[in-house]
Amino acid sequence: MLDLLIITFLDDPTPKPNEVKAGPLGFAVWMFMILAVVVIAFSLVKQLRKAQAAKDAGLYGDEPVDRSAEQPETDKQG
């Protein structure tokens, strides 16, 4: 049994690191993952904006907020 294990390790056809390349499939997988992260990020921002708008409208039990009245005027310096 030990002889078989030793022979298996000696005859290991593992390729060298410089013989292995990802190829076009690996590139396509990376591009898909990058695209998925971008889509998820845009979706998150959209949902956060909707939640903030609902909070400002008072749907969660808060007082309604008018964000347009809170913007400071920068032209009154003089």
Protein backbone atom coordinates (compact mmCIF):
# COMPACT_ATOMS: atom_id res chain seq x y z
CA MET A 1 0.00 0.00 0.00
CA LEU A 2 2.80 2.41 0.88
CA ASP A 3 4.54 1.52 -2.39
CA LEU A 4 1.45 2.56 -4.36
CA LEU A 5 1.31 5.89 -2.53
CA ILE A 6 5.00 6.57 -3.22
CA ILE A 7 4.60 5.69 -6.90
CA THR A 8 1.60 7.99 -7.14
CA PHE A 9 3.58 10.92 -5.73
CA LEU A 10 6.62 10.20 -7.92
CA ASP A 11 4.55 9.98 -11.10
CA ASP A 12 2.52 13.12 -10.41
CA PRO A 13 1.70 14.84 -13.75
CA THR A 14 1.16 18.24 -12.13
CA PRO A 15 2.02 20.99 -14.62
CA LYS A 16 4.62 23.63 -13.83
CA PRO A 17 3.32 27.10 -12.87
CA ASN A 18 4.55 28.61 -16.15
CA GLU A 19 2.64 25.95 -18.15
CA VAL A 20 -0.77 26.92 -16.76
CA LYS A 21 -2.72 29.82 -18.27
CA ALA A 22 -6.25 30.98 -17.56
CA GLY A 23 -7.17 31.60 -21.18
CA PRO A 24 -10.28 33.30 -22.53
CA LEU A 25 -12.64 31.49 -20.17
CA GLY A 26 -10.79 32.86 -17.14
CA PHE A 27 -10.91 36.36 -18.64
CA ALA A 28 -14.66 36.02 -19.27
CA VAL A 29 -15.24 34.90 -15.68
CA TRP A 30 -13.34 37.92 -14.32
CA MET A 31 -15.26 40.31 -16.60
CA PHE A 32 -18.56 38.75 -15.49
CA MET A 33 -17.62 39.16 -11.82
CA ILE A 34 -16.63 42.80 -12.34
CA LEU A 35 -19.90 43.48 -14.17
CA ALA A 36 -21.88 41.75 -11.42
CA VAL A 37 -20.25 43.91 -8.73
CA VAL A 38 -21.00 47.09 -10.69
CA VAL A 39 -24.67 46.10 -11.17
CA ILE A 40 -25.02 45.23 -7.48
CA ALA A 41 -23.42 48.56 -6.46
CA PHE A 42 -25.80 50.57 -8.67
CA SER A 43 -28.73 48.61 -7.29
CA LEU A 44 -27.59 49.29 -3.72
CA VAL A 45 -27.33 53.02 -4.37
CA LYS A 46 -30.80 53.03 -5.94
CA GLN A 47 -32.33 51.19 -2.98
CA LEU A 48 -30.61 53.49 -0.47
CA ARG A 49 -31.98 56.55 -2.29
CA LYS A 50 -35.48 55.06 -2.26
CA ALA A 51 -35.21 54.29 1.46
CA GLN A 52 -33.99 57.83 2.21
CA ALA A 53 -36.85 59.32 0.17
CA ALA A 54 -39.35 57.15 2.06
CA LYS A 55 -37.84 58.22 5.38
CA ASP A 56 -37.97 61.87 4.34
CA ALA A 57 -41.64 61.42 3.39
CA GLY A 58 -42.36 60.15 6.89
CA LEU A 59 -43.26 56.57 5.97
CA TYR A 60 -41.21 55.09 8.82
CA GLY A 61 -42.86 57.12 11.57
CA ASP A 62 -40.48 60.09 11.35
CA GLU A 63 -41.49 63.65 10.74
CA PRO A 64 -41.54 64.53 7.02
CA VAL A 65 -38.43 66.43 5.91
CA ASP A 66 -38.12 68.98 3.11
CA ARG A 67 -34.51 68.60 1.90
CA SER A 68 -34.74 71.50 -0.57
CA ALA A 69 -35.16 73.98 2.30
CA GLU A 70 -32.02 72.73 4.09
CA GLN A 71 -29.47 73.62 1.41
CA PRO A 72 -27.23 76.52 2.52
CA GLU A 73 -27.01 79.65 0.43
CA THR A 74 -23.40 80.50 -0.40
CA ASP A 75 -24.08 83.85 -2.12
CA LYS A 76 -24.81 85.76 1.12
CA GLN A 77 -21.16 86.45 2.09
CA GLY A 78 -20.89 90.01 1.65
